[in-house]
Amino acid sequence: GGDVVHSAAAPYDAAADAGGLSFYPL
């Protein structure tokens, strides 16, 4: 159906989706 799931073998890389942002002030 097009839903995206992130497997345990390859965890979700939030920094990559944020355009390289590697810190989160909040």
mmCIF file of all heavy atoms, coordinates in Angstrom:
data_MODEL
# 
_entry.id   MODEL 
# 
loop_
_atom_site.group_PDB 
_atom_site.id 
_atom_site.type_symbol 
_atom_site.label_atom_id 
_atom_site.label_alt_id 
_atom_site.label_comp_id 
_atom_site.label_asym_id 
_atom_site.label_entity_id 
_atom_site.label_seq_id 
_atom_site.pdbx_PDB_ins_code 
_atom_site.Cartn_x 
_atom_site.Cartn_y 
_atom_site.Cartn_z 
_atom_site.occupancy 
_atom_site.B_iso_or_equiv 
_atom_site.pdbx_formal_charge 
_atom_site.auth_seq_id 
_atom_site.auth_comp_id 
_atom_site.auth_asym_id 
_atom_site.auth_atom_id 
_atom_site.pdbx_PDB_model_num 
ATOM 1   N N   . GLY A 1 1  ? 0.800  -1.225 0.000  1.00 0.00 ? 1  GLY A N   1 
ATOM 2   C CA  . GLY A 1 1  ? 0.000  0.000  0.000  1.00 0.00 ? 1  GLY A CA  1 
ATOM 3   C C   . GLY A 1 1  ? 0.825  1.263  0.000  1.00 0.00 ? 1  GLY A C   1 
ATOM 4   O O   . GLY A 1 1  ? 0.273  2.358  -0.028 1.00 0.00 ? 1  GLY A O   1 
ATOM 5   N N   . GLY A 1 2  ? 2.136  1.135  0.053  1.00 0.00 ? 2  GLY A N   1 
ATOM 6   C CA  . GLY A 1 2  ? 2.989  2.315  0.010  1.00 0.00 ? 2  GLY A CA  1 
ATOM 7   C C   . GLY A 1 2  ? 3.441  2.794  1.371  1.00 0.00 ? 2  GLY A C   1 
ATOM 8   O O   . GLY A 1 2  ? 4.145  3.797  1.469  1.00 0.00 ? 2  GLY A O   1 
ATOM 9   N N   . ASP A 1 3  ? 3.029  2.110  2.466  1.00 0.00 ? 3  ASP A N   1 
ATOM 10  C CA  . ASP A 1 3  ? 3.444  2.515  3.799  1.00 0.00 ? 3  ASP A CA  1 
ATOM 11  C C   . ASP A 1 3  ? 4.904  2.142  4.019  1.00 0.00 ? 3  ASP A C   1 
ATOM 12  O O   . ASP A 1 3  ? 5.357  1.087  3.600  1.00 0.00 ? 3  ASP A O   1 
ATOM 13  C CB  . ASP A 1 3  ? 2.582  1.845  4.875  1.00 0.00 ? 3  ASP A CB  1 
ATOM 14  C CG  . ASP A 1 3  ? 1.115  2.253  4.731  1.00 0.00 ? 3  ASP A CG  1 
ATOM 15  O OD1 . ASP A 1 3  ? 0.895  3.404  4.300  1.00 0.00 ? 3  ASP A OD1 1 
ATOM 16  O OD2 . ASP A 1 3  ? 0.235  1.432  5.060  1.00 0.00 ? 3  ASP A OD2 1 
ATOM 17  N N   . VAL A 1 4  ? 5.632  3.001  4.703  1.00 0.00 ? 4  VAL A N   1 
ATOM 18  C CA  . VAL A 1 4  ? 7.051  2.786  4.951  1.00 0.00 ? 4  VAL A CA  1 
ATOM 19  C C   . VAL A 1 4  ? 7.249  2.316  6.373  1.00 0.00 ? 4  VAL A C   1 
ATOM 20  O O   . VAL A 1 4  ? 6.737  2.910  7.313  1.00 0.00 ? 4  VAL A O   1 
ATOM 21  C CB  . VAL A 1 4  ? 7.856  4.082  4.706  1.00 0.00 ? 4  VAL A CB  1 
ATOM 22  C CG1 . VAL A 1 4  ? 9.328  3.857  5.025  1.00 0.00 ? 4  VAL A CG1 1 
ATOM 23  C CG2 . VAL A 1 4  ? 7.685  4.536  3.267  1.00 0.00 ? 4  VAL A CG2 1 
ATOM 24  N N   . VAL A 1 5  ? 7.985  1.220  6.508  1.00 0.00 ? 5  VAL A N   1 
ATOM 25  C CA  . VAL A 1 5  ? 8.303  0.673  7.822  1.00 0.00 ? 5  VAL A CA  1 
ATOM 26  C C   . VAL A 1 5  ? 9.806  0.518  7.897  1.00 0.00 ? 5  VAL A C   1 
ATOM 27  O O   . VAL A 1 5  ? 10.443 0.137  6.919  1.00 0.00 ? 5  VAL A O   1 
ATOM 28  C CB  . VAL A 1 5  ? 7.613  -0.692 8.040  1.00 0.00 ? 5  VAL A CB  1 
ATOM 29  C CG1 . VAL A 1 5  ? 7.951  -1.234 9.419  1.00 0.00 ? 5  VAL A CG1 1 
ATOM 30  C CG2 . VAL A 1 5  ? 6.117  -0.568 7.856  1.00 0.00 ? 5  VAL A CG2 1 
ATOM 31  N N   . HIS A 1 6  ? 10.389 0.807  9.059  1.00 0.00 ? 6  HIS A N   1 
ATOM 32  C CA  . HIS A 1 6  ? 11.836 0.712  9.224  1.00 0.00 ? 6  HIS A CA  1 
ATOM 33  C C   . HIS A 1 6  ? 12.149 -0.531 10.037 1.00 0.00 ? 6  HIS A C   1 
ATOM 34  O O   . HIS A 1 6  ? 11.678 -0.702 11.156 1.00 0.00 ? 6  HIS A O   1 
ATOM 35  C CB  . HIS A 1 6  ? 12.364 1.964  9.926  1.00 0.00 ? 6  HIS A CB  1 
ATOM 36  C CG  . HIS A 1 6  ? 12.060 3.214  9.173  1.00 0.00 ? 6  HIS A CG  1 
ATOM 37  N ND1 . HIS A 1 6  ? 12.779 3.639  8.081  1.00 0.00 ? 6  HIS A ND1 1 
ATOM 38  C CD2 . HIS A 1 6  ? 11.061 4.113  9.334  1.00 0.00 ? 6  HIS A CD2 1 
ATOM 39  C CE1 . HIS A 1 6  ? 12.262 4.751  7.618  1.00 0.00 ? 6  HIS A CE1 1 
ATOM 40  N NE2 . HIS A 1 6  ? 11.222 5.055  8.361  1.00 0.00 ? 6  HIS A NE2 1 
ATOM 41  N N   . SER A 1 7  ? 12.931 -1.392 9.459  1.00 0.00 ? 7  SER A N   1 
ATOM 42  C CA  . SER A 1 7  ? 13.234 -2.661 10.102 1.00 0.00 ? 7  SER A CA  1 
ATOM 43  C C   . SER A 1 7  ? 14.267 -2.479 11.194 1.00 0.00 ? 7  SER A C   1 
ATOM 44  O O   . SER A 1 7  ? 14.985 -1.493 11.236 1.00 0.00 ? 7  SER A O   1 
ATOM 45  C CB  . SER A 1 7  ? 13.763 -3.648 9.061  1.00 0.00 ? 7  SER A CB  1 
ATOM 46  O OG  . SER A 1 7  ? 14.996 -3.185 8.541  1.00 0.00 ? 7  SER A OG  1 
ATOM 47  N N   . ALA A 1 8  ? 14.327 -3.471 12.105 1.00 0.00 ? 8  ALA A N   1 
ATOM 48  C CA  . ALA A 1 8  ? 15.297 -3.406 13.196 1.00 0.00 ? 8  ALA A CA  1 
ATOM 49  C C   . ALA A 1 8  ? 16.715 -3.537 12.673 1.00 0.00 ? 8  ALA A C   1 
ATOM 50  O O   . ALA A 1 8  ? 17.664 -3.029 13.262 1.00 0.00 ? 8  ALA A O   1 
ATOM 51  C CB  . ALA A 1 8  ? 15.001 -4.516 14.210 1.00 0.00 ? 8  ALA A CB  1 
ATOM 52  N N   . ALA A 1 9  ? 16.883 -4.259 11.546 1.00 0.00 ? 9  ALA A N   1 
ATOM 53  C CA  . ALA A 1 9  ? 18.226 -4.447 10.991 1.00 0.00 ? 9  ALA A CA  1 
ATOM 54  C C   . ALA A 1 9  ? 18.812 -3.144 10.474 1.00 0.00 ? 9  ALA A C   1 
ATOM 55  O O   . ALA A 1 9  ? 20.011 -2.931 10.505 1.00 0.00 ? 9  ALA A O   1 
ATOM 56  C CB  . ALA A 1 9  ? 18.173 -5.483 9.862  1.00 0.00 ? 9  ALA A CB  1 
ATOM 57  N N   . ALA A 1 10 ? 17.947 -2.276 9.983  1.00 0.00 ? 10 ALA A N   1 
ATOM 58  C CA  . ALA A 1 10 ? 18.418 -0.986 9.492  1.00 0.00 ? 10 ALA A CA  1 
ATOM 59  C C   . ALA A 1 10 ? 17.536 0.084  10.113 1.00 0.00 ? 10 ALA A C   1 
ATOM 60  O O   . ALA A 1 10 ? 16.517 0.444  9.557  1.00 0.00 ? 10 ALA A O   1 
ATOM 61  C CB  . ALA A 1 10 ? 18.341 -0.925 7.957  1.00 0.00 ? 10 ALA A CB  1 
ATOM 62  N N   . PRO A 1 11 ? 17.858 0.582  11.306 1.00 0.00 ? 11 PRO A N   1 
ATOM 63  C CA  . PRO A 1 11 ? 17.012 1.544  11.998 1.00 0.00 ? 11 PRO A CA  1 
ATOM 64  C C   . PRO A 1 11 ? 16.894 2.849  11.230 1.00 0.00 ? 11 PRO A C   1 
ATOM 65  O O   . PRO A 1 11 ? 17.748 3.199  10.424 1.00 0.00 ? 11 PRO A O   1 
ATOM 66  C CB  . PRO A 1 11 ? 17.734 1.746  13.337 1.00 0.00 ? 11 PRO A CB  1 
ATOM 67  C CG  . PRO A 1 11 ? 19.150 1.352  13.064 1.00 0.00 ? 11 PRO A CG  1 
ATOM 68  C CD  . PRO A 1 11 ? 19.082 0.272  12.039 1.00 0.00 ? 11 PRO A CD  1 
ATOM 69  N N   . TYR A 1 12 ? 15.848 3.555  11.582 1.00 0.00 ? 12 TYR A N   1 
ATOM 70  C CA  . TYR A 1 12 ? 15.536 4.813  10.920 1.00 0.00 ? 12 TYR A CA  1 
ATOM 71  C C   . TYR A 1 12 ? 16.615 5.854  11.192 1.00 0.00 ? 12 TYR A C   1 
ATOM 72  O O   . TYR A 1 12 ? 16.977 6.107  12.341 1.00 0.00 ? 12 TYR A O   1 
ATOM 73  C CB  . TYR A 1 12 ? 14.188 5.305  11.428 1.00 0.00 ? 12 TYR A CB  1 
ATOM 74  C CG  . TYR A 1 12 ? 13.811 6.681  10.946 1.00 0.00 ? 12 TYR A CG  1 
ATOM 75  C CD1 . TYR A 1 12 ? 13.799 6.992  9.592  1.00 0.00 ? 12 TYR A CD1 1 
ATOM 76  C CD2 . TYR A 1 12 ? 13.440 7.664  11.865 1.00 0.00 ? 12 TYR A CD2 1 
ATOM 77  C CE1 . TYR A 1 12 ? 13.436 8.242  9.161  1.00 0.00 ? 12 TYR A CE1 1 
ATOM 78  C CE2 . TYR A 1 12 ? 13.076 8.906  11.442 1.00 0.00 ? 12 TYR A CE2 1 
ATOM 79  C CZ  . TYR A 1 12 ? 13.075 9.203  10.096 1.00 0.00 ? 12 TYR A CZ  1 
ATOM 80  O OH  . TYR A 1 12 ? 12.712 10.439 9.681  1.00 0.00 ? 12 TYR A OH  1 
ATOM 81  N N   . ASP A 1 13 ? 17.134 6.441  10.149 1.00 0.00 ? 13 ASP A N   1 
ATOM 82  C CA  . ASP A 1 13 ? 18.165 7.463  10.274 1.00 0.00 ? 13 ASP A CA  1 
ATOM 83  C C   . ASP A 1 13 ? 17.502 8.827  10.179 1.00 0.00 ? 13 ASP A C   1 
ATOM 84  O O   . ASP A 1 13 ? 17.292 9.356  9.097  1.00 0.00 ? 13 ASP A O   1 
ATOM 85  C CB  . ASP A 1 13 ? 19.213 7.284  9.168  1.00 0.00 ? 13 ASP A CB  1 
ATOM 86  C CG  . ASP A 1 13 ? 20.405 8.226  9.362  1.00 0.00 ? 13 ASP A CG  1 
ATOM 87  O OD1 . ASP A 1 13 ? 20.386 8.974  10.361 1.00 0.00 ? 13 ASP A OD1 1 
ATOM 88  O OD2 . ASP A 1 13 ? 21.319 8.195  8.531  1.00 0.00 ? 13 ASP A OD2 1 
ATOM 89  N N   . ALA A 1 14 ? 17.175 9.403  11.343 1.00 0.00 ? 14 ALA A N   1 
ATOM 90  C CA  . ALA A 1 14 ? 16.481 10.688 11.350 1.00 0.00 ? 14 ALA A CA  1 
ATOM 91  C C   . ALA A 1 14 ? 17.366 11.798 10.818 1.00 0.00 ? 14 ALA A C   1 
ATOM 92  O O   . ALA A 1 14 ? 16.899 12.745 10.204 1.00 0.00 ? 14 ALA A O   1 
ATOM 93  C CB  . ALA A 1 14 ? 16.021 11.022 12.771 1.00 0.00 ? 14 ALA A CB  1 
ATOM 94  N N   . ALA A 1 15 ? 18.670 11.688 11.055 1.00 0.00 ? 15 ALA A N   1 
ATOM 95  C CA  . ALA A 1 15 ? 19.579 12.738 10.597 1.00 0.00 ? 15 ALA A CA  1 
ATOM 96  C C   . ALA A 1 15 ? 19.599 12.830 9.080  1.00 0.00 ? 15 ALA A C   1 
ATOM 97  O O   . ALA A 1 15 ? 19.684 13.903 8.504  1.00 0.00 ? 15 ALA A O   1 
ATOM 98  C CB  . ALA A 1 15 ? 20.986 12.467 11.133 1.00 0.00 ? 15 ALA A CB  1 
ATOM 99  N N   . ALA A 1 16 ? 19.499 11.655 8.419  1.00 0.00 ? 16 ALA A N   1 
ATOM 100 C CA  . ALA A 1 16 ? 19.507 11.665 6.956  1.00 0.00 ? 16 ALA A CA  1 
ATOM 101 C C   . ALA A 1 16 ? 18.247 12.321 6.417  1.00 0.00 ? 16 ALA A C   1 
ATOM 102 O O   . ALA A 1 16 ? 18.291 13.092 5.464  1.00 0.00 ? 16 ALA A O   1 
ATOM 103 C CB  . ALA A 1 16 ? 19.622 10.231 6.428  1.00 0.00 ? 16 ALA A CB  1 
ATOM 104 N N   . ASP A 1 17 ? 17.088 12.013 7.026  1.00 0.00 ? 17 ASP A N   1 
ATOM 105 C CA  . ASP A 1 17 ? 15.838 12.621 6.583  1.00 0.00 ? 17 ASP A CA  1 
ATOM 106 C C   . ASP A 1 17 ? 15.801 14.114 6.874  1.00 0.00 ? 17 ASP A C   1 
ATOM 107 O O   . ASP A 1 17 ? 15.083 14.863 6.230  1.00 0.00 ? 17 ASP A O   1 
ATOM 108 C CB  . ASP A 1 17 ? 14.637 11.943 7.268  1.00 0.00 ? 17 ASP A CB  1 
ATOM 109 C CG  . ASP A 1 17 ? 14.249 10.658 6.556  1.00 0.00 ? 17 ASP A CG  1 
ATOM 110 O OD1 . ASP A 1 17 ? 14.945 10.310 5.581  1.00 0.00 ? 17 ASP A OD1 1 
ATOM 111 O OD2 . ASP A 1 17 ? 13.272 10.009 6.974  1.00 0.00 ? 17 ASP A OD2 1 
ATOM 112 N N   . ALA A 1 18 ? 16.553 14.558 7.862  1.00 0.00 ? 18 ALA A N   1 
ATOM 113 C CA  . ALA A 1 18 ? 16.550 15.976 8.221  1.00 0.00 ? 18 ALA A CA  1 
ATOM 114 C C   . ALA A 1 18 ? 17.604 16.753 7.445  1.00 0.00 ? 18 ALA A C   1 
ATOM 115 O O   . ALA A 1 18 ? 17.927 17.876 7.789  1.00 0.00 ? 18 ALA A O   1 
ATOM 116 C CB  . ALA A 1 18 ? 16.794 16.127 9.717  1.00 0.00 ? 18 ALA A CB  1 
ATOM 117 N N   . GLY A 1 19 ? 18.159 16.148 6.417  1.00 0.00 ? 19 GLY A N   1 
ATOM 118 C CA  . GLY A 1 19 ? 19.131 16.843 5.592  1.00 0.00 ? 19 GLY A CA  1 
ATOM 119 C C   . GLY A 1 19 ? 20.488 16.941 6.251  1.00 0.00 ? 19 GLY A C   1 
ATOM 120 O O   . GLY A 1 19 ? 21.214 17.907 6.060  1.00 0.00 ? 19 GLY A O   1 
ATOM 121 N N   . GLY A 1 20 ? 20.852 15.933 7.070  1.00 0.00 ? 20 GLY A N   1 
ATOM 122 C CA  . GLY A 1 20 ? 22.161 15.945 7.711  1.00 0.00 ? 20 GLY A CA  1 
ATOM 123 C C   . GLY A 1 20 ? 22.164 16.535 9.101  1.00 0.00 ? 20 GLY A C   1 
ATOM 124 O O   . GLY A 1 20 ? 23.214 16.629 9.721  1.00 0.00 ? 20 GLY A O   1 
ATOM 125 N N   . LEU A 1 21 ? 21.017 16.965 9.613  1.00 0.00 ? 21 LEU A N   1 
ATOM 126 C CA  . LEU A 1 21 ? 20.949 17.516 10.958 1.00 0.00 ? 21 LEU A CA  1 
ATOM 127 C C   . LEU A 1 21 ? 21.225 16.418 11.968 1.00 0.00 ? 21 LEU A C   1 
ATOM 128 O O   . LEU A 1 21 ? 20.521 15.415 12.020 1.00 0.00 ? 21 LEU A O   1 
ATOM 129 C CB  . LEU A 1 21 ? 19.558 18.116 11.207 1.00 0.00 ? 21 LEU A CB  1 
ATOM 130 C CG  . LEU A 1 21 ? 19.345 18.820 12.549 1.00 0.00 ? 21 LEU A CG  1 
ATOM 131 C CD1 . LEU A 1 21 ? 20.207 20.066 12.622 1.00 0.00 ? 21 LEU A CD1 1 
ATOM 132 C CD2 . LEU A 1 21 ? 17.877 19.180 12.719 1.00 0.00 ? 21 LEU A CD2 1 
ATOM 133 N N   . SER A 1 22 ? 22.262 16.579 12.775 1.00 0.00 ? 22 SER A N   1 
ATOM 134 C CA  . SER A 1 22 ? 22.674 15.531 13.710 1.00 0.00 ? 22 SER A CA  1 
ATOM 135 C C   . SER A 1 22 ? 22.399 15.886 15.162 1.00 0.00 ? 22 SER A C   1 
ATOM 136 O O   . SER A 1 22 ? 22.840 15.185 16.047 1.00 0.00 ? 22 SER A O   1 
ATOM 137 C CB  . SER A 1 22 ? 24.170 15.245 13.542 1.00 0.00 ? 22 SER A CB  1 
ATOM 138 O OG  . SER A 1 22 ? 24.924 16.421 13.767 1.00 0.00 ? 22 SER A OG  1 
ATOM 139 N N   . PHE A 1 23 ? 21.715 16.984 15.410 1.00 0.00 ? 23 PHE A N   1 
ATOM 140 C CA  . PHE A 1 23 ? 21.362 17.331 16.778 1.00 0.00 ? 23 PHE A CA  1 
ATOM 141 C C   . PHE A 1 23 ? 19.931 17.873 16.795 1.00 0.00 ? 23 PHE A C   1 
ATOM 142 O O   . PHE A 1 23 ? 19.442 18.435 15.815 1.00 0.00 ? 23 PHE A O   1 
ATOM 143 C CB  . PHE A 1 23 ? 22.334 18.370 17.357 1.00 0.00 ? 23 PHE A CB  1 
ATOM 144 C CG  . PHE A 1 23 ? 22.273 19.711 16.658 1.00 0.00 ? 23 PHE A CG  1 
ATOM 145 C CD1 . PHE A 1 23 ? 21.492 20.729 17.159 1.00 0.00 ? 23 PHE A CD1 1 
ATOM 146 C CD2 . PHE A 1 23 ? 23.011 19.943 15.518 1.00 0.00 ? 23 PHE A CD2 1 
ATOM 147 C CE1 . PHE A 1 23 ? 21.435 21.959 16.525 1.00 0.00 ? 23 PHE A CE1 1 
ATOM 148 C CE2 . PHE A 1 23 ? 22.960 21.169 14.865 1.00 0.00 ? 23 PHE A CE2 1 
ATOM 149 C CZ  . PHE A 1 23 ? 22.168 22.177 15.382 1.00 0.00 ? 23 PHE A CZ  1 
ATOM 150 N N   . TYR A 1 24 ? 19.290 17.707 17.940 1.00 0.00 ? 24 TYR A N   1 
ATOM 151 C CA  . TYR A 1 24 ? 17.893 18.084 18.074 1.00 0.00 ? 24 TYR A CA  1 
ATOM 152 C C   . TYR A 1 24 ? 17.727 18.869 19.364 1.00 0.00 ? 24 TYR A C   1 
ATOM 153 O O   . TYR A 1 24 ? 17.725 18.291 20.454 1.00 0.00 ? 24 TYR A O   1 
ATOM 154 C CB  . TYR A 1 24 ? 17.004 16.835 18.063 1.00 0.00 ? 24 TYR A CB  1 
ATOM 155 C CG  . TYR A 1 24 ? 17.178 16.033 16.803 1.00 0.00 ? 24 TYR A CG  1 
ATOM 156 C CD1 . TYR A 1 24 ? 18.122 15.014 16.725 1.00 0.00 ? 24 TYR A CD1 1 
ATOM 157 C CD2 . TYR A 1 24 ? 16.432 16.340 15.670 1.00 0.00 ? 24 TYR A CD2 1 
ATOM 158 C CE1 . TYR A 1 24 ? 18.313 14.307 15.553 1.00 0.00 ? 24 TYR A CE1 1 
ATOM 159 C CE2 . TYR A 1 24 ? 16.619 15.637 14.495 1.00 0.00 ? 24 TYR A CE2 1 
ATOM 160 C CZ  . TYR A 1 24 ? 17.557 14.619 14.438 1.00 0.00 ? 24 TYR A CZ  1 
ATOM 161 O OH  . TYR A 1 24 ? 17.756 13.924 13.279 1.00 0.00 ? 24 TYR A OH  1 
ATOM 162 N N   . PRO A 1 25 ? 17.626 20.188 19.286 1.00 0.00 ? 25 PRO A N   1 
ATOM 163 C CA  . PRO A 1 25 ? 17.595 21.021 20.489 1.00 0.00 ? 25 PRO A CA  1 
ATOM 164 C C   . PRO A 1 25 ? 16.436 20.709 21.430 1.00 0.00 ? 25 PRO A C   1 
ATOM 165 O O   . PRO A 1 25 ? 16.529 20.980 22.626 1.00 0.00 ? 25 PRO A O   1 
ATOM 166 C CB  . PRO A 1 25 ? 17.470 22.447 19.919 1.00 0.00 ? 25 PRO A CB  1 
ATOM 167 C CG  . PRO A 1 25 ? 17.979 22.348 18.519 1.00 0.00 ? 25 PRO A CG  1 
ATOM 168 C CD  . PRO A 1 25 ? 17.613 20.986 18.046 1.00 0.00 ? 25 PRO A CD  1 
ATOM 169 N N   . LEU A 1 26 ? 15.348 20.149 20.911 1.00 0.00 ? 26 LEU A N   1 
ATOM 170 C CA  . LEU A 1 26 ? 14.181 19.891 21.748 1.00 0.00 ? 26 LEU A CA  1 
ATOM 171 C C   . LEU A 1 26 ? 14.221 18.518 22.416 1.00 0.00 ? 26 LEU A C   1 
ATOM 172 O O   . LEU A 1 26 ? 13.310 18.185 23.176 1.00 0.00 ? 26 LEU A O   1 
ATOM 173 C CB  . LEU A 1 26 ? 12.905 20.030 20.913 1.00 0.00 ? 26 LEU A CB  1 
ATOM 174 C CG  . LEU A 1 26 ? 12.665 21.407 20.287 1.00 0.00 ? 26 LEU A CG  1 
ATOM 175 C CD1 . LEU A 1 26 ? 11.335 21.441 19.550 1.00 0.00 ? 26 LEU A CD1 1 
ATOM 176 C CD2 . LEU A 1 26 ? 12.704 22.509 21.349 1.00 0.00 ? 26 LEU A CD2 1 
# 
